[in-house]
Amino acid sequence: MTSASGTLFDRLVLAARIVLGVFYLLSGLNWFFGFIPMLPHVGMPADLRIKHMLVVEMINTGWFFQAAKIMEIAFGVSLLANRAVPLLLAATLPVAFITFMLDALILDDIARWLGGTQDTPALLAAVADMIVGGLCVLLPHLWLMLCYRDYYRPAFAWRASPQWGGQPAEPGLLPEHPLARPAGFRPGRALILFGGFAVLLQIYNLYLFVSMIRLG
């Protein structure tokens, strides 16, 4: 990679880790401390409106939603400290995907708009919710996984043999430094543009998220 593109790539990876890490850390901690009162938290009033029934059911299990929030905290710390990032990216991908899907299912809104029972501002609000509520989180998550792709290549071995008892892995499959920067990757212009777009979306999402914080 050229020096300029390499430097820009490294800065984008750092920016993505920071903004996504801060978002996940705040999202997880809010469940326990409730500094964003309009979002679900331990001390929320019984009449707090929760938009998605799936979230209600997860909370009602007594552990499912809490486990997801603990994972978010661990992931946020991982991203900010640059430790075990590839592992936590893979482990929390279902959380990011479910977050996106909860806001991405707008077919009913489109059908109501086409049928004349929903006005255009309401449809645009649903689209904005899809972008801000889910896509802003999922895109940088997927982009970071793409940047760390060399760490996942061994998992896609078509015919794998067990590696146990100190046996060396197949040469060339594993990066030498599992906690270092993305290895063996040559970013093209499309990847850098995708990363820049994903980071900008998440910065905007984080701004909206932080603006909802109420202390005291």
C-alpha atoms as a PDB file:
ATOM      1  CA  MET A   1       0.000   0.000   0.000  1.00  0.00           C
ATOM      2  CA  THR A   2       1.199   3.526  -0.566  1.00  0.00           C
ATOM      3  CA  SER A   3       2.241   5.606   2.414  1.00  0.00           C
ATOM      4  CA  ALA A   4      -0.658   8.046   1.987  1.00  0.00           C
ATOM      5  CA  SER A   5      -3.364   5.402   1.635  1.00  0.00           C
ATOM      6  CA  GLY A   6      -1.832   3.377   4.446  1.00  0.00           C
ATOM      7  CA  THR A   7      -1.857   6.350   6.807  1.00  0.00           C
ATOM      8  CA  LEU A   8      -5.449   7.229   5.907  1.00  0.00           C
ATOM      9  CA  PHE A   9      -6.493   3.601   6.343  1.00  0.00           C
ATOM     10  CA  ASP A  10      -4.889   3.422   9.789  1.00  0.00           C
ATOM     11  CA  ARG A  11      -6.606   6.638  10.828  1.00  0.00           C
ATOM     12  CA  LEU A  12      -9.979   5.380   9.614  1.00  0.00           C
ATOM     13  CA  VAL A  13      -9.558   2.130  11.547  1.00  0.00           C
ATOM     14  CA  LEU A  14      -8.665   4.111  14.676  1.00  0.00           C
ATOM     15  CA  ALA A  15     -11.627   6.463  14.179  1.00  0.00           C
ATOM     16  CA  ALA A  16     -14.004   3.545  13.622  1.00  0.00           C
ATOM     17  CA  ARG A  17     -12.763   1.818  16.769  1.00  0.00           C
ATOM     18  CA  ILE A  18     -13.164   4.959  18.862  1.00  0.00           C
ATOM     19  CA  VAL A  19     -16.622   6.073  17.722  1.00  0.00           C
ATOM     20  CA  LEU A  20     -18.017   2.528  17.710  1.00  0.00           C
ATOM     21  CA  GLY A  21     -16.345   1.740  21.036  1.00  0.00           C
ATOM     22  CA  VAL A  22     -17.750   4.848  22.740  1.00  0.00           C
ATOM     23  CA  PHE A  23     -21.217   4.119  21.339  1.00  0.00           C
ATOM     24  CA  TYR A  24     -21.276   0.505  22.538  1.00  0.00           C
ATOM     25  CA  LEU A  25     -19.826   1.429  25.922  1.00  0.00           C
ATOM     26  CA  LEU A  26     -22.474   4.112  26.493  1.00  0.00           C
ATOM     27  CA  SER A  27     -25.245   1.862  25.183  1.00  0.00           C
ATOM     28  CA  GLY A  28     -24.260  -0.952  27.532  1.00  0.00           C
ATOM     29  CA  LEU A  29     -23.698   1.240  30.588  1.00  0.00           C
ATOM     30  CA  ASN A  30     -27.004   3.033  30.088  1.00  0.00           C
ATOM     31  CA  TRP A  31     -28.905  -0.151  30.916  1.00  0.00           C
ATOM     32  CA  PHE A  32     -27.366  -0.193  34.396  1.00  0.00           C
ATOM     33  CA  PHE A  33     -27.183   3.560  35.126  1.00  0.00           C
ATOM     34  CA  GLY A  34     -30.025   5.059  33.084  1.00  0.00           C
ATOM     35  CA  PHE A  35     -28.318   8.294  32.018  1.00  0.00           C
ATOM     36  CA  ILE A  36     -30.412   8.239  28.824  1.00  0.00           C
ATOM     37  CA  PRO A  37     -33.888   8.083  30.414  1.00  0.00           C
ATOM     38  CA  MET A  38     -35.821   7.584  27.175  1.00  0.00           C
ATOM     39  CA  LEU A  39     -34.026   4.282  26.471  1.00  0.00           C
ATOM     40  CA  PRO A  40     -34.606   1.009  28.373  1.00  0.00           C
ATOM     41  CA  HIS A  41     -32.700   0.818  31.677  1.00  0.00           C
ATOM     42  CA  VAL A  42     -32.887  -0.994  35.005  1.00  0.00           C
ATOM     43  CA  GLY A  43     -34.744   1.790  36.826  1.00  0.00           C
ATOM     44  CA  MET A  44     -37.120   2.697  34.010  1.00  0.00           C
ATOM     45  CA  PRO A  45     -40.738   3.510  34.898  1.00  0.00           C
ATOM     46  CA  ALA A  46     -43.356   0.896  34.114  1.00  0.00           C
ATOM     47  CA  ASP A  47     -45.002   3.147  31.524  1.00  0.00           C
ATOM     48  CA  LEU A  48     -41.806   3.809  29.532  1.00  0.00           C
ATOM     49  CA  ARG A  49     -42.626   3.334  25.863  1.00  0.00           C
ATOM     50  CA  ILE A  50     -40.408   0.689  24.253  1.00  0.00           C
ATOM     51  CA  LYS A  51     -40.695   0.756  20.485  1.00  0.00           C
ATOM     52  CA  HIS A  52     -39.884  -2.883  19.691  1.00  0.00           C
ATOM     53  CA  MET A  53     -41.748  -5.825  21.204  1.00  0.00           C
ATOM     54  CA  LEU A  54     -38.645  -7.994  20.763  1.00  0.00           C
ATOM     55  CA  VAL A  55     -36.779  -5.757  23.210  1.00  0.00           C
ATOM     56  CA  VAL A  56     -39.661  -6.065  25.685  1.00  0.00           C
ATOM     57  CA  GLU A  57     -39.516  -9.856  25.477  1.00  0.00           C
ATOM     58  CA  MET A  58     -35.719  -9.849  25.870  1.00  0.00           C
ATOM     59  CA  ILE A  59     -36.067  -7.737  29.022  1.00  0.00           C
ATOM     60  CA  ASN A  60     -38.826  -9.986  30.362  1.00  0.00           C
ATOM     61  CA  THR A  61     -36.550 -13.043  30.263  1.00  0.00           C
ATOM     62  CA  GLY A  62     -34.637 -11.489  33.145  1.00  0.00           C
ATOM     63  CA  TRP A  63     -31.219 -12.140  31.591  1.00  0.00           C
ATOM     64  CA  PHE A  64     -31.199 -11.941  27.775  1.00  0.00           C
ATOM     65  CA  PHE A  65     -31.161  -8.160  27.415  1.00  0.00           C
ATOM     66  CA  GLN A  66     -28.748  -7.804  30.321  1.00  0.00           C
ATOM     67  CA  ALA A  67     -26.367 -10.276  28.663  1.00  0.00           C
ATOM     68  CA  ALA A  68     -26.508  -8.281  25.430  1.00  0.00           C
ATOM     69  CA  LYS A  69     -25.667  -5.096  27.324  1.00  0.00           C
ATOM     70  CA  ILE A  70     -22.738  -6.761  29.099  1.00  0.00           C
ATOM     71  CA  MET A  71     -21.456  -7.855  25.694  1.00  0.00           C
ATOM     72  CA  GLU A  72     -21.784  -4.272  24.470  1.00  0.00           C
ATOM     73  CA  ILE A  73     -19.698  -3.014  27.404  1.00  0.00           C
ATOM     74  CA  ALA A  74     -17.021  -5.654  26.794  1.00  0.00           C
ATOM     75  CA  PHE A  75     -16.995  -4.812  23.091  1.00  0.00           C
ATOM     76  CA  GLY A  76     -16.711  -1.089  23.757  1.00  0.00           C
ATOM     77  CA  VAL A  77     -13.729  -1.621  26.064  1.00  0.00           C
ATOM     78  CA  SER A  78     -12.166  -3.986  23.511  1.00  0.00           C
ATOM     79  CA  LEU A  79     -12.421  -1.433  20.708  1.00  0.00           C
ATOM     80  CA  LEU A  80     -11.108   1.459  22.800  1.00  0.00           C
ATOM     81  CA  ALA A  81      -8.216  -0.565  24.249  1.00  0.00           C
ATOM     82  CA  ASN A  82      -7.451  -2.334  20.936  1.00  0.00           C
ATOM     83  CA  ARG A  83      -7.493  -5.746  22.593  1.00  0.00           C
ATOM     84  CA  ALA A  84      -9.095  -8.886  21.115  1.00  0.00           C
ATOM     85  CA  VAL A  85     -10.834  -6.721  18.514  1.00  0.00           C
ATOM     86  CA  PRO A  86     -11.311  -9.454  15.841  1.00  0.00           C
ATOM     87  CA  LEU A  87     -12.799 -11.837  18.440  1.00  0.00           C
ATOM     88  CA  LEU A  88     -15.250  -9.302  19.878  1.00  0.00           C
ATOM     89  CA  LEU A  89     -16.220  -8.060  16.405  1.00  0.00           C
ATOM     90  CA  ALA A  90     -17.339 -11.579  15.531  1.00  0.00           C
ATOM     91  CA  ALA A  91     -18.979 -12.238  18.914  1.00  0.00           C
ATOM     92  CA  THR A  92     -21.102  -9.077  18.852  1.00  0.00           C
ATOM     93  CA  LEU A  93     -22.070  -9.170  15.167  1.00  0.00           C
ATOM     94  CA  PRO A  94     -25.489 -10.721  16.059  1.00  0.00           C
ATOM     95  CA  VAL A  95     -26.159  -7.775  18.400  1.00  0.00           C
ATOM     96  CA  ALA A  96     -25.343  -5.269  15.638  1.00  0.00           C
ATOM     97  CA  PHE A  97     -27.416  -7.207  13.100  1.00  0.00           C
ATOM     98  CA  ILE A  98     -30.479  -7.446  15.365  1.00  0.00           C
ATOM     99  CA  THR A  99     -30.161  -3.728  16.172  1.00  0.00           C
ATOM    100  CA  PHE A 100     -30.213  -2.992  12.459  1.00  0.00           C
ATOM    101  CA  MET A 101     -33.076  -5.356  11.648  1.00  0.00           C
ATOM    102  CA  LEU A 102     -35.317  -3.903  14.362  1.00  0.00           C
ATOM    103  CA  ASP A 103     -35.244  -0.580  12.513  1.00  0.00           C
ATOM    104  CA  ALA A 104     -34.795  -1.890   8.954  1.00  0.00           C
ATOM    105  CA  LEU A 105     -38.176  -3.597   8.628  1.00  0.00           C
ATOM    106  CA  ILE A 106     -40.075  -0.692   7.086  1.00  0.00           C
ATOM    107  CA  LEU A 107     -42.060  -2.640   4.480  1.00  0.00           C
ATOM    108  CA  ASP A 108     -45.273  -2.042   6.454  1.00  0.00           C
ATOM    109  CA  ASP A 109     -44.563   1.693   6.454  1.00  0.00           C
ATOM    110  CA  ILE A 110     -43.989   1.630   2.690  1.00  0.00           C
ATOM    111  CA  ALA A 111     -47.195  -0.380   2.135  1.00  0.00           C
ATOM    112  CA  ARG A 112     -49.220   2.058   4.251  1.00  0.00           C
ATOM    113  CA  TRP A 113     -47.691   5.000   2.381  1.00  0.00           C
ATOM    114  CA  LEU A 114     -48.544   3.428  -0.990  1.00  0.00           C
ATOM    115  CA  GLY A 115     -52.064   2.728   0.266  1.00  0.00           C
ATOM    116  CA  GLY A 116     -52.533   6.316   1.372  1.00  0.00           C
ATOM    117  CA  THR A 117     -52.897   5.525   5.075  1.00  0.00           C
ATOM    118  CA  GLN A 118     -49.516   6.967   6.043  1.00  0.00           C
ATOM    119  CA  ASP A 119     -48.174  10.375   5.094  1.00  0.00           C
ATOM    120  CA  THR A 120     -44.764  11.078   3.597  1.00  0.00           C
ATOM    121  CA  PRO A 121     -43.206  12.647   6.738  1.00  0.00           C
ATOM    122  CA  ALA A 122     -44.008   9.481   8.713  1.00  0.00           C
ATOM    123  CA  LEU A 123     -42.404   7.325   6.011  1.00  0.00           C
ATOM    124  CA  LEU A 124     -39.322   9.533   5.935  1.00  0.00           C
ATOM    125  CA  ALA A 125     -39.122   9.274   9.727  1.00  0.00           C
ATOM    126  CA  ALA A 126     -39.148   5.474   9.440  1.00  0.00           C
ATOM    127  CA  VAL A 127     -36.369   5.599   6.833  1.00  0.00           C
ATOM    128  CA  ALA A 128     -34.326   7.960   9.021  1.00  0.00           C
ATOM    129  CA  ASP A 129     -34.830   5.634  11.981  1.00  0.00           C
ATOM    130  CA  MET A 130     -33.560   2.745   9.876  1.00  0.00           C
ATOM    131  CA  ILE A 131     -30.421   4.680   8.940  1.00  0.00           C
ATOM    132  CA  VAL A 132     -29.670   6.232  12.326  1.00  0.00           C
ATOM    133  CA  GLY A 133     -30.969   3.417  14.515  1.00  0.00           C
ATOM    134  CA  GLY A 134     -29.273   0.501  12.809  1.00  0.00           C
ATOM    135  CA  LEU A 135     -27.247   1.199   9.696  1.00  0.00           C
ATOM    136  CA  CYS A 136     -24.947   3.635  11.498  1.00  0.00           C
ATOM    137  CA  VAL A 137     -23.922   0.814  13.833  1.00  0.00           C
ATOM    138  CA  LEU A 138     -23.865  -2.105  11.394  1.00  0.00           C
ATOM    139  CA  LEU A 139     -21.822  -0.456   8.611  1.00  0.00           C
ATOM    140  CA  PRO A 140     -18.712   0.422  10.679  1.00  0.00           C
ATOM    141  CA  HIS A 141     -18.967  -2.973  12.373  1.00  0.00           C
ATOM    142  CA  LEU A 142     -18.892  -4.794   9.023  1.00  0.00           C
ATOM    143  CA  TRP A 143     -16.186  -2.492   7.711  1.00  0.00           C
ATOM    144  CA  LEU A 144     -13.925  -3.259  10.670  1.00  0.00           C
ATOM    145  CA  MET A 145     -14.475  -6.989  10.175  1.00  0.00           C
ATOM    146  CA  LEU A 146     -13.428  -6.554   6.554  1.00  0.00           C
ATOM    147  CA  CYS A 147     -10.311  -4.689   7.673  1.00  0.00           C
ATOM    148  CA  TYR A 148      -9.421  -7.549  10.032  1.00  0.00           C
ATOM    149  CA  ARG A 149     -10.282 -10.245   7.502  1.00  0.00           C
ATOM    150  CA  ASP A 150      -6.903 -12.019   7.746  1.00  0.00           C
ATOM    151  CA  TYR A 151      -7.762 -13.019  11.311  1.00  0.00           C
ATOM    152  CA  TYR A 152     -10.878 -14.839  10.097  1.00  0.00           C
ATOM    153  CA  ARG A 153      -9.387 -16.686   7.126  1.00  0.00           C
ATOM    154  CA  PRO A 154      -8.448 -19.837   9.099  1.00  0.00           C
ATOM    155  CA  ALA A 155     -12.092 -20.257  10.167  1.00  0.00           C
ATOM    156  CA  PHE A 156     -13.097 -20.671   6.510  1.00  0.00           C
ATOM    157  CA  ALA A 157     -10.805 -23.627   5.819  1.00  0.00           C
ATOM    158  CA  TRP A 158     -12.763 -26.045   3.615  1.00  0.00           C
ATOM    159  CA  ARG A 159     -11.048 -29.181   4.934  1.00  0.00           C
ATOM    160  CA  ALA A 160      -9.542 -28.434   8.321  1.00  0.00           C
ATOM    161  CA  SER A 161      -7.549 -30.748  10.551  1.00  0.00           C
ATOM    162  CA  PRO A 162      -7.648 -30.371  14.340  1.00  0.00           C
ATOM    163  CA  GLN A 163      -4.893 -28.167  15.753  1.00  0.00           C
ATOM    164  CA  TRP A 164      -4.251 -29.211  19.335  1.00  0.00           C
ATOM    165  CA  GLY A 165      -1.432 -29.902  21.733  1.00  0.00           C
ATOM    166  CA  GLY A 166       0.885 -27.246  20.376  1.00  0.00           C
ATOM    167  CA  GLN A 167       0.732 -28.369  16.755  1.00  0.00           C
ATOM    168  CA  PRO A 168       1.616 -25.495  14.433  1.00  0.00           C
ATOM    169  CA  ALA A 169      -1.155 -24.088  12.301  1.00  0.00           C
ATOM    170  CA  GLU A 170      -0.894 -24.175   8.541  1.00  0.00           C
ATOM    171  CA  PRO A 171       1.817 -21.682   7.514  1.00  0.00           C
ATOM    172  CA  GLY A 172       0.635 -18.308   6.339  1.00  0.00           C
ATOM    173  CA  LEU A 173      -2.868 -18.508   7.792  1.00  0.00           C
ATOM    174  CA  LEU A 174      -2.438 -16.688  11.083  1.00  0.00           C
ATOM    175  CA  PRO A 175      -1.047 -13.180  11.534  1.00  0.00           C
ATOM    176  CA  GLU A 176       2.047 -13.071  13.733  1.00  0.00           C
ATOM    177  CA  HIS A 177       0.642 -10.504  16.168  1.00  0.00           C
ATOM    178  CA  PRO A 178      -3.002 -11.245  17.041  1.00  0.00           C
ATOM    179  CA  LEU A 179      -3.456  -7.956  18.912  1.00  0.00           C
ATOM    180  CA  ALA A 180      -1.737  -5.731  16.369  1.00  0.00           C
ATOM    181  CA  ARG A 181      -3.145  -3.570  13.586  1.00  0.00           C
ATOM    182  CA  PRO A 182      -4.955  -5.220  10.635  1.00  0.00           C
ATOM    183  CA  ALA A 183      -2.426  -7.466   8.935  1.00  0.00           C
ATOM    184  CA  GLY A 184      -1.614  -8.114   5.303  1.00  0.00           C
ATOM    185  CA  PHE A 185      -4.256  -5.768   3.968  1.00  0.00           C
ATOM    186  CA  ARG A 186      -3.964  -3.412   1.000  1.00  0.00           C
ATOM    187  CA  PRO A 187      -6.897  -0.995   1.071  1.00  0.00           C
ATOM    188  CA  GLY A 188      -8.248   0.221  -2.237  1.00  0.00           C
ATOM    189  CA  ARG A 189     -10.017   3.487  -2.823  1.00  0.00           C
ATOM    190  CA  ALA A 190     -13.465   1.867  -2.584  1.00  0.00           C
ATOM    191  CA  LEU A 191     -12.672   0.384   0.834  1.00  0.00           C
ATOM    192  CA  ILE A 192     -11.380   3.705   2.139  1.00  0.00           C
ATOM    193  CA  LEU A 193     -14.452   5.557   0.837  1.00  0.00           C
ATOM    194  CA  PHE A 194     -16.735   2.923   2.388  1.00  0.00           C
ATOM    195  CA  GLY A 195     -14.888   3.247   5.680  1.00  0.00           C
ATOM    196  CA  GLY A 196     -15.066   7.033   5.618  1.00  0.00           C
ATOM    197  CA  PHE A 197     -18.806   6.940   4.937  1.00  0.00           C
ATOM    198  CA  ALA A 198     -19.382   4.391   7.719  1.00  0.00           C
ATOM    199  CA  VAL A 199     -17.345   6.417  10.215  1.00  0.00           C
ATOM    200  CA  LEU A 200     -19.168   9.662   9.368  1.00  0.00           C
ATOM    201  CA  LEU A 201     -22.540   7.946   9.820  1.00  0.00           C
ATOM    202  CA  GLN A 202     -21.510   6.605  13.208  1.00  0.00           C
ATOM    203  CA  ILE A 203     -20.119   9.991  14.295  1.00  0.00           C
ATOM    204  CA  TYR A 204     -23.529  11.507  13.561  1.00  0.00           C
ATOM    205  CA  ASN A 205     -25.257   8.649  15.376  1.00  0.00           C
ATOM    206  CA  LEU A 206     -22.950   9.073  18.369  1.00  0.00           C
ATOM    207  CA  TYR A 207     -23.678  12.816  18.414  1.00  0.00           C
ATOM    208  CA  LEU A 208     -27.424  12.114  18.584  1.00  0.00           C
ATOM    209  CA  PHE A 209     -26.844   9.452  21.237  1.00  0.00           C
ATOM    210  CA  VAL A 210     -24.721  11.705  23.452  1.00  0.00           C
ATOM    211  CA  SER A 211     -27.218  14.567  23.082  1.00  0.00           C
ATOM    212  CA  MET A 212     -29.817  12.403  24.862  1.00  0.00           C
ATOM    213  CA  ILE A 213     -27.677  11.955  27.992  1.00  0.00           C
ATOM    214  CA  ARG A 214     -29.198  13.467  31.125  1.00  0.00           C
ATOM    215  CA  LEU A 215     -27.013  13.605  34.241  1.00  0.00           C
ATOM    216  CA  GLY A 216     -28.270  14.294  37.735  1.00  0.00           C
END
